[in-house]
Protein backbone atom coordinates (compact mmCIF):
# COMPACT_ATOMS: atom_id res chain seq x y z
CA MET A 1 106.91 32.57 138.17
CA LYS A 2 105.24 29.78 136.18
CA ARG A 3 106.28 29.56 132.54
CA ILE A 4 103.31 29.90 130.22
CA THR A 5 103.00 27.02 127.77
CA ILE A 6 100.92 26.21 124.70
CA TYR A 7 98.74 24.04 126.97
CA ASP A 8 97.80 27.12 129.03
CA VAL A 9 96.83 29.00 125.86
CA ALA A 10 94.67 26.10 124.65
CA LYS A 11 92.92 25.92 128.03
CA GLU A 12 92.34 29.70 128.18
CA ALA A 13 90.93 29.82 124.62
CA ASP A 14 89.04 26.55 125.09
CA VAL A 15 90.48 25.04 121.92
CA SER A 16 92.75 22.11 121.08
CA LEU A 17 96.56 22.20 121.06
CA ALA A 18 96.47 21.65 117.30
CA THR A 19 94.33 24.78 116.85
CA VAL A 20 96.74 26.92 118.89
CA SER A 21 99.64 25.52 116.85
CA ARG A 22 97.87 26.40 113.58
CA VAL A 23 97.25 29.97 114.74
CA ILE A 24 100.88 30.41 115.84
CA ASN A 25 102.15 29.14 112.50
CA GLY A 26 99.76 31.21 110.39
CA SER A 27 97.65 28.37 109.03
CA GLU A 28 94.69 29.48 106.92
CA VAL A 29 92.41 26.60 107.96
CA VAL A 30 91.43 28.28 111.27
CA ARG A 31 88.15 30.25 111.45
CA GLU A 32 88.60 33.97 112.03
CA ASP A 33 86.67 34.05 115.33
CA THR A 34 88.75 31.14 116.64
CA ARG A 35 91.96 32.82 115.53
CA ILE A 36 91.01 36.00 117.39
CA LYS A 37 90.14 34.02 120.52
CA VAL A 38 93.53 32.25 120.49
CA GLN A 39 95.42 35.51 119.83
CA GLU A 40 93.62 37.18 122.72
CA ALA A 41 94.56 34.27 125.00
CA ILE A 42 98.22 34.56 123.87
CA GLU A 43 98.26 38.30 124.65
CA LYS A 44 96.47 37.89 127.98
CA LEU A 45 98.86 35.17 129.22
CA GLY A 46 101.97 36.72 127.66
CA TYR A 47 102.82 33.50 125.85
CA LYS A 48 105.99 33.51 123.73
CA PRO A 49 105.97 30.76 121.08
CA ASN A 50 109.05 28.55 121.21
CA ALA A 51 111.01 28.88 117.95
CA ILE A 52 111.84 25.17 117.89
CA ALA A 53 108.22 24.17 118.45
CA GLN A 54 107.17 26.50 115.64
CA GLY A 55 109.84 25.04 113.42
CA LEU A 56 108.75 21.47 114.01
CA ALA A 57 105.23 22.33 112.94
CA LEU A 58 106.57 23.94 109.78
CA SER A 59 109.31 21.32 109.21
CA LYS A 60 111.75 24.20 109.81
CA THR A 61 113.74 25.18 112.89
CA THR A 62 114.85 28.71 111.82
CA THR A 63 118.33 27.56 112.87
CA ILE A 64 121.50 27.64 110.78
CA GLY A 65 124.51 25.47 111.60
CA LEU A 66 127.86 27.29 111.44
CA ILE A 67 131.11 25.30 111.32
CA VAL A 68 134.46 27.03 111.90
CA PRO A 69 137.94 25.63 112.60
CA GLU A 70 138.93 26.12 116.24
CA ALA A 71 142.37 27.43 115.28
CA SER A 72 140.98 30.28 113.15
CA TYR A 73 138.87 32.19 115.68
CA PHE A 74 141.05 35.28 115.39
CA TYR A 75 140.54 35.45 111.63
CA THR A 76 136.87 34.38 111.61
CA GLY A 77 135.57 36.88 114.17
CA GLN A 78 134.40 39.42 111.59
CA ILE A 79 133.11 36.66 109.30
CA ILE A 80 130.90 35.41 112.15
CA ASN A 81 129.73 38.97 112.91
CA GLY A 82 128.66 39.50 109.31
CA LEU A 83 126.84 36.19 109.23
CA ILE A 84 125.02 36.84 112.52
CA ASP A 85 123.92 40.35 111.47
CA VAL A 86 122.25 39.04 108.31
CA ALA A 87 120.82 36.03 110.18
CA LYS A 88 119.08 38.45 112.59
CA ILE A 89 117.46 40.28 109.69
CA TYR A 90 115.94 37.04 108.41
CA LYS A 91 115.16 35.81 111.96
CA TYR A 92 117.52 32.83 111.96
CA ASN A 93 119.37 31.50 115.00
CA ILE A 94 122.99 30.34 114.72
CA MET A 95 124.23 27.01 116.10
CA LEU A 96 128.05 27.16 116.32
CA HIS A 97 130.22 24.06 115.89
CA THR A 98 134.02 23.95 115.85
CA THR A 99 136.45 21.53 114.28
CA THR A 100 139.84 20.59 115.69
CA GLU A 101 142.37 19.25 113.22
CA GLY A 102 143.17 15.59 113.80
CA ILE A 103 140.31 15.12 116.25
CA THR A 104 137.03 15.99 114.61
CA GLU A 105 136.05 14.81 111.16
CA MET A 106 134.12 17.34 109.07
CA ASN A 107 131.58 14.76 107.88
CA ASP A 108 130.84 13.67 111.47
CA ILE A 109 130.09 17.24 112.47
CA ILE A 110 127.90 17.86 109.44
CA GLU A 111 125.98 14.65 110.13
CA ASN A 112 125.36 15.72 113.74
CA ILE A 113 124.18 19.13 112.58
CA ILE A 114 121.80 17.64 110.03
CA LYS A 115 120.36 15.36 112.73
CA SER A 116 119.63 18.45 114.83
CA ARG A 117 117.22 19.56 112.07
CA VAL A 118 118.92 22.80 111.00
CA ASP A 119 117.54 24.50 107.90
CA GLY A 120 120.97 25.11 106.36
CA VAL A 121 124.71 25.01 107.04
CA VAL A 122 127.54 27.52 106.58
CA ILE A 123 131.07 26.09 106.60
CA PHE A 124 134.21 28.15 106.96
CA ASN A 125 136.82 25.67 105.84
CA ASP A 126 139.45 26.38 103.21
CA LYS A 127 140.50 22.72 103.14
CA LEU A 128 137.35 21.23 101.64
CA ASN A 129 138.03 19.47 98.35
CA LYS A 130 135.82 18.19 95.53
CA GLU A 131 135.64 14.73 97.08
CA GLU A 132 134.30 16.09 100.35
CA LEU A 133 131.86 18.29 98.44
CA ASN A 134 130.45 15.17 96.78
CA GLN A 135 129.95 13.70 100.27
CA LEU A 136 128.05 16.81 101.37
CA THR A 137 125.61 16.72 98.48
CA ARG A 138 123.98 13.56 99.81
CA TYR A 139 122.32 15.74 102.46
CA GLN A 140 119.31 17.55 101.06
CA VAL A 141 120.15 20.64 103.10
CA PRO A 142 121.47 23.87 101.57
CA ILE A 143 125.16 24.42 102.37
CA VAL A 144 127.31 27.51 101.77
CA VAL A 145 131.09 27.17 101.96
CA ILE A 146 133.22 30.21 102.83
CA GLY A 147 136.77 30.12 101.47
CA ASN A 148 136.56 27.61 98.62
CA ARG A 149 135.06 28.04 95.19
CA MET A 150 132.58 25.19 94.72
CA SER A 151 128.92 24.68 93.93
CA ASP A 152 126.33 22.00 93.30
CA GLU A 153 122.57 21.63 93.45
CA THR A 154 122.49 22.24 97.20
CA VAL A 155 125.94 23.83 97.69
CA GLY A 156 127.04 27.44 97.17
CA SER A 157 130.23 29.31 98.01
CA VAL A 158 131.60 32.75 98.83
CA TYR A 159 135.33 33.22 98.43
CA VAL A 160 138.35 35.40 97.66
CA ASP A 161 140.52 34.26 94.77
CA TYR A 162 143.93 34.11 96.46
CA ALA A 163 145.57 32.65 93.35
CA LYS A 164 144.50 35.72 91.36
CA LEU A 165 145.65 37.99 94.18
CA ALA A 166 149.14 36.45 94.13
CA PHE A 167 149.23 36.46 90.33
CA ASP A 168 148.38 40.16 90.05
CA TYR A 169 150.80 41.20 92.78
CA ALA A 170 153.68 39.12 91.36
CA CYS A 171 153.10 40.50 87.87
CA ASP A 172 153.30 44.06 89.24
CA CYS A 173 156.54 43.22 91.05
CA ILE A 174 158.07 41.63 87.93
CA LYS A 175 157.16 44.71 85.86
CA GLN A 176 159.08 46.81 88.39
CA GLY A 177 162.10 44.53 87.99
CA LYS A 178 161.62 42.62 91.26
CA LYS A 179 162.04 38.97 90.31
CA GLN A 180 163.32 37.44 93.55
CA ILE A 181 159.93 36.86 95.20
CA ALA A 182 159.59 34.37 98.05
CA LEU A 183 156.53 32.77 99.63
CA ILE A 184 156.85 31.33 103.14
CA GLU A 185 155.08 28.10 104.00
CA ASP A 186 152.24 28.28 106.53
CA ARG A 187 151.53 24.88 108.06
CA LYS A 188 148.25 26.05 109.58
CA ASN A 189 146.84 27.22 106.24
CA PRO A 190 148.08 24.81 103.55
CA ALA A 191 145.09 25.33 101.23
CA MET A 192 145.56 29.10 101.15
CA ILE A 193 149.29 28.71 100.59
CA LYS A 194 148.54 26.29 97.74
CA GLN A 195 146.40 28.95 96.05
CA LEU A 196 149.06 31.64 96.54
CA ARG A 197 151.74 29.35 95.18
CA GLU A 198 149.62 28.57 92.11
CA GLY A 199 149.18 32.29 91.45
CA LEU A 200 152.91 32.99 91.78
CA THR A 201 153.78 30.03 89.55
CA ARG A 202 151.44 31.26 86.82
CA ALA A 203 152.77 34.83 87.05
CA PHE A 204 156.35 33.65 86.59
CA GLU A 205 155.42 31.30 83.75
CA GLU A 206 153.60 34.06 81.86
CA ASN A 207 156.72 36.19 82.20
CA GLY A 208 158.98 33.44 80.86
CA MET A 209 160.42 32.42 84.24
CA THR A 210 160.04 29.71 86.88
CA PHE A 211 158.93 30.35 90.43
CA GLU A 212 161.40 28.54 92.67
CA ASN A 213 161.51 30.58 95.87
CA TYR A 214 158.99 28.71 98.02
CA ILE A 215 160.43 28.62 101.53
CA GLU A 216 159.39 25.42 103.33
CA ILE A 217 159.70 25.28 107.11
CA PRO A 218 161.33 21.93 108.09
CA LYS A 219 159.23 19.90 110.52
CA GLU A 220 161.93 19.92 113.18
CA TYR A 221 161.46 23.68 113.62
CA ARG A 222 158.59 24.57 115.94
CA SER A 223 158.16 28.06 114.50
CA SER A 224 158.86 30.07 111.37
CA TYR A 225 161.07 32.43 113.39
CA LEU A 226 163.49 29.71 114.50
CA PHE A 227 164.03 28.59 110.90
CA LEU A 228 164.13 32.05 109.33
CA LYS A 229 166.69 33.10 111.92
CA GLU A 230 169.10 30.68 110.24
CA TYR A 231 167.78 31.03 106.68
CA LEU A 232 167.74 34.80 106.12
CA THR A 233 171.14 36.45 105.69
CA LYS A 234 172.48 39.49 103.87
CA GLU A 235 173.70 37.16 101.13
CA ASN A 236 170.58 34.96 101.05
CA ARG A 237 167.62 37.31 100.90
CA PRO A 238 164.78 37.68 98.38
CA GLU A 239 163.72 41.09 97.08
CA VAL A 240 160.14 40.50 98.23
CA VAL A 241 158.87 38.14 100.95
CA ILE A 242 155.19 37.15 101.10
CA THR A 243 153.61 35.66 104.24
CA TYR A 244 150.01 34.63 104.83
CA ARG A 245 149.59 35.65 108.49
CA ASP A 246 150.78 38.62 110.54
CA SER A 247 152.70 36.41 113.01
CA GLN A 248 154.87 35.13 110.17
CA ALA A 249 155.36 38.66 108.86
CA MET A 250 156.59 39.66 112.34
CA ALA A 251 158.97 36.68 112.31
CA VAL A 252 160.41 37.84 108.98
CA MET A 253 160.73 41.41 110.25
CA ASN A 254 162.52 40.34 113.44
CA THR A 255 164.92 37.96 111.73
CA ALA A 256 165.68 40.54 109.04
CA LYS A 257 166.52 43.11 111.71
CA GLU A 258 168.76 40.63 113.52
CA ALA A 259 170.53 39.82 110.23
CA GLY A 260 171.08 43.49 109.47
CA ILE A 261 168.65 43.47 106.52
CA SER A 262 166.82 46.77 106.12
CA ILE A 263 163.09 46.70 105.30
CA PRO A 264 162.05 47.89 102.72
CA GLU A 265 165.36 49.19 101.34
CA GLU A 266 167.01 45.77 101.01
CA MET A 267 163.97 43.48 101.25
CA GLU A 268 160.24 44.17 100.97
CA LEU A 269 157.63 42.42 103.08
CA VAL A 270 153.94 41.76 102.35
CA CYS A 271 151.35 40.01 104.55
CA ILE A 272 148.32 38.60 102.74
CA LEU A 273 145.88 38.75 105.67
CA ASP A 274 146.00 42.34 106.83
CA SER A 275 145.38 43.00 110.51
CA LYS A 276 145.63 45.75 113.12
CA TYR A 277 148.99 44.32 114.17
CA ASN A 278 150.45 45.02 110.73
CA ALA A 279 149.67 48.70 111.22
CA MET A 280 151.17 48.62 114.74
CA ALA A 281 154.49 47.13 113.61
CA ARG A 282 157.52 49.28 112.85
CA PRO A 283 157.92 49.60 109.97
CA GLN A 284 154.22 49.16 109.26
CA ILE A 285 153.58 46.04 107.16
CA SER A 286 151.83 46.21 103.78
CA GLY A 287 148.93 43.82 103.33
CA PHE A 288 145.68 42.97 101.58
CA LYS A 289 142.34 43.99 103.02
CA ILE A 290 140.19 40.86 102.80
CA PRO A 291 136.44 41.62 103.21
CA ASP A 292 135.97 39.21 106.13
CA TYR A 293 132.73 40.77 107.42
CA ASP A 294 131.29 40.67 103.91
CA LEU A 295 132.28 37.01 103.49
CA GLY A 296 129.99 36.13 106.41
CA ALA A 297 127.19 38.52 105.44
CA VAL A 298 127.10 37.46 101.78
CA ALA A 299 127.30 33.76 102.73
CA MET A 300 124.26 34.09 104.97
CA ARG A 301 122.35 36.06 102.33
CA LEU A 302 123.16 33.40 99.72
CA LEU A 303 121.92 30.70 102.10
CA THR A 304 118.61 32.51 102.68
CA LYS A 305 118.13 32.71 98.91
CA MET A 306 118.84 28.99 98.57
CA LEU A 307 116.39 28.25 101.37
CA HIS A 308 113.55 30.30 99.93
CA GLU A 309 114.16 30.24 96.19
CA GLU A 310 115.76 26.81 95.92
CA ASN A 311 116.79 26.11 92.31
CA GLU A 312 116.08 29.67 91.21
CA VAL A 313 119.44 30.88 92.57
CA SER A 314 121.51 31.24 89.41
CA ASP A 315 124.88 32.31 90.86
CA LYS A 316 126.01 30.06 93.68
CA GLU A 317 129.71 30.97 93.39
CA ILE A 318 130.26 34.53 94.64
CA GLU A 319 133.75 36.02 94.45
CA LEU A 320 134.59 39.03 96.64
CA SER A 321 137.38 41.47 95.87
CA TYR A 322 140.39 42.60 97.92
CA ILE A 323 142.35 45.82 98.28
CA PHE A 324 146.13 46.16 98.59
CA THR A 325 147.13 48.47 101.44
CA PRO A 326 150.71 49.69 100.91
CA ARG A 327 152.58 50.68 104.06
CA LYS A 328 156.20 51.16 105.06
CA SER A 329 157.41 47.59 104.41
CA THR A 330 157.17 48.02 100.62
CA LYS A 331 158.60 50.69 98.32
């Protein structure tokens, strides 16, 4: 079956291509009788205007570029769902790009996206710093960053304050008399770990102590489990262990069991990023419910505001809250 094009509509209505384009894009300079004639031709032929062609006429493509790290698909699934659901409401398409650490430079990807004429960009990247933000602002395209708190004339952000999360939790532990709190390094998420470490450090300082129990995984160990297997013993165990991901929490749980350390009686365990696997473990692992779907939905809503209201958007730094879910790995 032949695909109907704008040329067919122009021929059927006996008007120019420019006139058909104006009707499609809602231009007010077309006479009413001509508009009706073109609309009738569109209905008769069953013509579906191409979104990209419409966008070019309006200097908009109704397309949003989304950048996510390849290694974080598992954790970004709900974020992407939230973003897509809101994008559908405002009739935007999503162009997905992935970054691979050590291979793809963030600025190269952003430049390619800008060249593809997207209307805006959403970046899920917790490693962006102020320097890179300054690089981004040279593009006159609205950008929303998920994961980092930052803003500028054309940049907004949606984030969870992990430093505050760690601070509040540590303060509660210290009030209960639990002062031996350990944080395990996560090589895949250094920026998040940095925030957690800052929160723990501040909590200890405000309670007249020093946070010293940051457990670094030596480079020669390929996994947290292999190191923790040697590190955790009955004699060398914190009162509370904090991990960022569920896989590390499982590593702690397994090594503790092998070392004869009972959870939570002798050592408590908390995983920052809660997941279904935490609830499936035995004992079930306590964690924090991070509003991942909302991160994506709010980011997309913020971007639509920036696209349509431009400088009228007063709050470009939106913080979302978290909920602690206590299970069997804490007392």
